[in-house]
Amino acid sequence: MQAVTEGDRRKEVRVLLAQIQAHPERDWSAARRRLATLNKLIAPPRPAPH
C-alpha cells in the first residue's frame, strides 16, 4: 500500500472539479463533501492563537 501524498490530494481536487464543471446537472453532494475534506487536508497549517 502506498501513502497518499499532498500531490495525490491536489490531483483528486482537480479531477472532481472538472467532473462537476462538465456535468453540473448531476447531484454532486458527496463530491462537494469530499472536496471540503481534501481542501482541509491540503490547506497550510494555521498559526496557533496567542
PDB file of N, CA and C in Angstrom:
ATOM      1  N   MET A   1       0.847  -1.171   0.000  1.00  0.00           N
ATOM      2  CA  MET A   1       0.000   0.000   0.000  1.00  0.00           C
ATOM      3  C   MET A   1       0.896   1.239   0.000  1.00  0.00           C
ATOM      4  N   GLN A   2       0.541   2.211  -0.813  1.00  0.00           N
ATOM      5  CA  GLN A   2       1.321   3.439  -0.906  1.00  0.00           C
ATOM      6  C   GLN A   2       0.666   4.550  -0.095  1.00  0.00           C
ATOM      7  N   ALA A   3       1.502   5.429   0.436  1.00  0.00           N
ATOM      8  CA  ALA A   3       0.996   6.574   1.182  1.00  0.00           C
ATOM      9  C   ALA A   3       0.363   7.578   0.216  1.00  0.00           C
ATOM     10  N   VAL A   4      -0.661   8.250   0.681  1.00  0.00           N
ATOM     11  CA  VAL A   4      -1.311   9.283  -0.122  1.00  0.00           C
ATOM     12  C   VAL A   4      -0.538  10.579   0.090  1.00  0.00           C
ATOM     13  N   THR A   5      -0.131  11.204  -0.985  1.00  0.00           N
ATOM     14  CA  THR A   5       0.641  12.435  -0.885  1.00  0.00           C
ATOM     15  C   THR A   5      -0.251  13.660  -1.076  1.00  0.00           C
ATOM     16  N   GLU A   6       0.298  14.823  -0.768  1.00  0.00           N
ATOM     17  CA  GLU A   6      -0.436  16.056  -0.998  1.00  0.00           C
ATOM     18  C   GLU A   6      -0.719  16.221  -2.495  1.00  0.00           C
ATOM     19  N   GLY A   7       0.219  15.785  -3.325  1.00  0.00           N
ATOM     20  CA  GLY A   7       0.019  15.843  -4.775  1.00  0.00           C
ATOM     21  C   GLY A   7      -1.162  14.997  -5.213  1.00  0.00           C
ATOM     22  N   ASP A   8      -1.306  13.832  -4.597  1.00  0.00           N
ATOM     23  CA  ASP A   8      -2.456  12.966  -4.901  1.00  0.00           C
ATOM     24  C   ASP A   8      -3.766  13.666  -4.548  1.00  0.00           C
ATOM     25  N   ARG A   9      -3.768  14.318  -3.408  1.00  0.00           N
ATOM     26  CA  ARG A   9      -4.986  15.018  -2.972  1.00  0.00           C
ATOM     27  C   ARG A   9      -5.307  16.181  -3.901  1.00  0.00           C
ATOM     28  N   ARG A  10      -4.284  16.931  -4.313  1.00  0.00           N
ATOM     29  CA  ARG A  10      -4.494  18.055  -5.228  1.00  0.00           C
ATOM     30  C   ARG A  10      -5.016  17.562  -6.581  1.00  0.00           C
ATOM     31  N   LYS A  11      -4.500  16.420  -7.031  1.00  0.00           N
ATOM     32  CA  LYS A  11      -4.966  15.849  -8.296  1.00  0.00           C
ATOM     33  C   LYS A  11      -6.436  15.440  -8.177  1.00  0.00           C
ATOM     34  N   GLU A  12      -6.801  14.842  -7.047  1.00  0.00           N
ATOM     35  CA  GLU A  12      -8.197  14.448  -6.841  1.00  0.00           C
ATOM     36  C   GLU A  12      -9.112  15.675  -6.850  1.00  0.00           C
ATOM     37  N   VAL A  13      -8.663  16.776  -6.246  1.00  0.00           N
ATOM     38  CA  VAL A  13      -9.448  18.019  -6.257  1.00  0.00           C
ATOM     39  C   VAL A  13      -9.664  18.473  -7.698  1.00  0.00           C
ATOM     40  N   ARG A  14      -8.591  18.489  -8.499  1.00  0.00           N
ATOM     41  CA  ARG A  14      -8.714  18.916  -9.900  1.00  0.00           C
ATOM     42  C   ARG A  14      -9.682  18.030 -10.664  1.00  0.00           C
ATOM     43  N   VAL A  15      -9.604  16.726 -10.458  1.00  0.00           N
ATOM     44  CA  VAL A  15     -10.478  15.782 -11.160  1.00  0.00           C
ATOM     45  C   VAL A  15     -11.937  16.002 -10.756  1.00  0.00           C
ATOM     46  N   LEU A  16     -12.182  16.136  -9.470  1.00  0.00           N
ATOM     47  CA  LEU A  16     -13.557  16.348  -9.011  1.00  0.00           C
ATOM     48  C   LEU A  16     -14.126  17.651  -9.547  1.00  0.00           C
ATOM     49  N   LEU A  17     -13.327  18.719  -9.521  1.00  0.00           N
ATOM     50  CA  LEU A  17     -13.812  19.997 -10.034  1.00  0.00           C
ATOM     51  C   LEU A  17     -14.112  19.920 -11.531  1.00  0.00           C
ATOM     52  N   ALA A  18     -13.285  19.211 -12.267  1.00  0.00           N
ATOM     53  CA  ALA A  18     -13.520  19.051 -13.705  1.00  0.00           C
ATOM     54  C   ALA A  18     -14.808  18.275 -13.955  1.00  0.00           C
ATOM     55  N   GLN A  19     -15.051  17.234 -13.170  1.00  0.00           N
ATOM     56  CA  GLN A  19     -16.270  16.441 -13.330  1.00  0.00           C
ATOM     57  C   GLN A  19     -17.509  17.279 -13.016  1.00  0.00           C
ATOM     58  N   ILE A  20     -17.435  18.056 -11.935  1.00  0.00           N
ATOM     59  CA  ILE A  20     -18.572  18.902 -11.560  1.00  0.00           C
ATOM     60  C   ILE A  20     -18.842  19.923 -12.652  1.00  0.00           C
ATOM     61  N   GLN A  21     -17.783  20.525 -13.175  1.00  0.00           N
ATOM     62  CA  GLN A  21     -17.953  21.535 -14.222  1.00  0.00           C
ATOM     63  C   GLN A  21     -18.510  20.926 -15.507  1.00  0.00           C
ATOM     64  N   ALA A  22     -18.092  19.710 -15.829  1.00  0.00           N
ATOM     65  CA  ALA A  22     -18.542  19.066 -17.057  1.00  0.00           C
ATOM     66  C   ALA A  22     -20.005  18.617 -16.977  1.00  0.00           C
ATOM     67  N   HIS A  23     -20.474  18.300 -15.766  1.00  0.00           N
ATOM     68  CA  HIS A  23     -21.841  17.784 -15.602  1.00  0.00           C
ATOM     69  C   HIS A  23     -22.527  18.461 -14.413  1.00  0.00           C
ATOM     70  N   PRO A  24     -22.819  19.747 -14.520  1.00  0.00           N
ATOM     71  CA  PRO A  24     -23.435  20.459 -13.385  1.00  0.00           C
ATOM     72  C   PRO A  24     -24.856  19.995 -13.066  1.00  0.00           C
ATOM     73  N   GLU A  25     -25.454  19.259 -13.973  1.00  0.00           N
ATOM     74  CA  GLU A  25     -26.838  18.819 -13.753  1.00  0.00           C
ATOM     75  C   GLU A  25     -26.929  17.672 -12.747  1.00  0.00           C
ATOM     76  N   ARG A  26     -25.843  17.039 -12.452  1.00  0.00           N
ATOM     77  CA  ARG A  26     -25.852  15.897 -11.525  1.00  0.00           C
ATOM     78  C   ARG A  26     -25.839  16.361 -10.073  1.00  0.00           C
ATOM     79  N   ASP A  27     -26.191  15.432  -9.191  1.00  0.00           N
ATOM     80  CA  ASP A  27     -26.115  15.698  -7.753  1.00  0.00           C
ATOM     81  C   ASP A  27     -24.685  15.425  -7.296  1.00  0.00           C
ATOM     82  N   TRP A  28     -23.977  16.454  -6.925  1.00  0.00           N
ATOM     83  CA  TRP A  28     -22.562  16.340  -6.535  1.00  0.00           C
ATOM     84  C   TRP A  28     -22.379  16.510  -5.033  1.00  0.00           C
ATOM     85  N   SER A  29     -23.376  16.200  -4.248  1.00  0.00           N
ATOM     86  CA  SER A  29     -23.292  16.405  -2.799  1.00  0.00           C
ATOM     87  C   SER A  29     -22.113  15.663  -2.179  1.00  0.00           C
ATOM     88  N   ALA A  30     -21.945  14.410  -2.512  1.00  0.00           N
ATOM     89  CA  ALA A  30     -20.844  13.615  -1.953  1.00  0.00           C
ATOM     90  C   ALA A  30     -19.494  14.154  -2.419  1.00  0.00           C
ATOM     91  N   ALA A  31     -19.420  14.539  -3.692  1.00  0.00           N
ATOM     92  CA  ALA A  31     -18.165  15.081  -4.222  1.00  0.00           C
ATOM     93  C   ALA A  31     -17.825  16.401  -3.536  1.00  0.00           C
ATOM     94  N   ARG A  32     -18.819  17.217  -3.258  1.00  0.00           N
ATOM     95  CA  ARG A  32     -18.573  18.500  -2.585  1.00  0.00           C
ATOM     96  C   ARG A  32     -18.091  18.288  -1.148  1.00  0.00           C
ATOM     97  N   ARG A  33     -18.645  17.268  -0.476  1.00  0.00           N
ATOM     98  CA  ARG A  33     -18.163  16.943   0.871  1.00  0.00           C
ATOM     99  C   ARG A  33     -16.710  16.465   0.803  1.00  0.00           C
ATOM    100  N   ARG A  34     -16.393  15.651  -0.195  1.00  0.00           N
ATOM    101  CA  ARG A  34     -15.018  15.169  -0.375  1.00  0.00           C
ATOM    102  C   ARG A  34     -14.077  16.344  -0.668  1.00  0.00           C
ATOM    103  N   LEU A  35     -14.522  17.283  -1.507  1.00  0.00           N
ATOM    104  CA  LEU A  35     -13.711  18.462  -1.809  1.00  0.00           C
ATOM    105  C   LEU A  35     -13.425  19.267  -0.541  1.00  0.00           C
ATOM    106  N   ALA A  36     -14.415  19.427   0.306  1.00  0.00           N
ATOM    107  CA  ALA A  36     -14.220  20.165   1.552  1.00  0.00           C
ATOM    108  C   ALA A  36     -13.175  19.476   2.422  1.00  0.00           C
ATOM    109  N   THR A  37     -13.254  18.156   2.496  1.00  0.00           N
ATOM    110  CA  THR A  37     -12.285  17.393   3.273  1.00  0.00           C
ATOM    111  C   THR A  37     -10.887  17.522   2.684  1.00  0.00           C
ATOM    112  N   LEU A  38     -10.779  17.364   1.365  1.00  0.00           N
ATOM    113  CA  LEU A  38      -9.478  17.475   0.709  1.00  0.00           C
ATOM    114  C   LEU A  38      -8.881  18.863   0.899  1.00  0.00           C
ATOM    115  N   ASN A  39      -9.703  19.892   0.782  1.00  0.00           N
ATOM    116  CA  ASN A  39      -9.198  21.255   0.960  1.00  0.00           C
ATOM    117  C   ASN A  39      -8.671  21.475   2.371  1.00  0.00           C
ATOM    118  N   LYS A  40      -9.306  20.876   3.370  1.00  0.00           N
ATOM    119  CA  LYS A  40      -8.806  20.984   4.741  1.00  0.00           C
ATOM    120  C   LYS A  40      -7.468  20.259   4.881  1.00  0.00           C
ATOM    121  N   LEU A  41      -7.331  19.134   4.213  1.00  0.00           N
ATOM    122  CA  LEU A  41      -6.098  18.354   4.314  1.00  0.00           C
ATOM    123  C   LEU A  41      -4.919  19.034   3.636  1.00  0.00           C
ATOM    124  N   ILE A  42      -5.164  19.760   2.558  1.00  0.00           N
ATOM    125  CA  ILE A  42      -4.048  20.373   1.827  1.00  0.00           C
ATOM    126  C   ILE A  42      -3.830  21.838   2.189  1.00  0.00           C
ATOM    127  N   ALA A  43      -4.690  22.397   3.038  1.00  0.00           N
ATOM    128  CA  ALA A  43      -4.528  23.791   3.446  1.00  0.00           C
ATOM    129  C   ALA A  43      -3.270  23.939   4.298  1.00  0.00           C
ATOM    130  N   PRO A  44      -2.573  25.067   4.159  1.00  0.00           N
ATOM    131  CA  PRO A  44      -1.394  25.276   5.001  1.00  0.00           C
ATOM    132  C   PRO A  44      -1.811  25.377   6.460  1.00  0.00           C
ATOM    133  N   PRO A  45      -0.969  24.931   7.362  1.00  0.00           N
ATOM    134  CA  PRO A  45      -1.328  24.994   8.793  1.00  0.00           C
ATOM    135  C   PRO A  45      -1.489  26.427   9.253  1.00  0.00           C
ATOM    136  N   ARG A  46      -2.451  26.635  10.101  1.00  0.00           N
ATOM    137  CA  ARG A  46      -2.709  27.975  10.656  1.00  0.00           C
ATOM    138  C   ARG A  46      -1.813  28.171  11.865  1.00  0.00           C
ATOM    139  N   PRO A  47      -1.354  29.403  12.073  1.00  0.00           N
ATOM    140  CA  PRO A  47      -0.565  29.656  13.281  1.00  0.00           C
ATOM    141  C   PRO A  47      -1.440  29.509  14.528  1.00  0.00           C
ATOM    142  N   ALA A  48      -0.837  29.069  15.603  1.00  0.00           N
ATOM    143  CA  ALA A  48      -1.577  28.870  16.835  1.00  0.00           C
ATOM    144  C   ALA A  48      -1.974  30.225  17.432  1.00  0.00           C
ATOM    145  N   PRO A  49      -3.184  30.310  17.999  1.00  0.00           N
ATOM    146  CA  PRO A  49      -3.591  31.574  18.625  1.00  0.00           C
ATOM    147  C   PRO A  49      -2.732  31.858  19.864  1.00  0.00           C
ATOM    148  N   HIS A  50      -2.542  33.129  20.147  1.00  0.00           N
ATOM    149  CA  HIS A  50      -1.701  33.514  21.286  1.00  0.00           C
ATOM    150  C   HIS A  50      -2.478  33.524  22.566  1.00  0.00           C
TER     151      HIS A  50
END
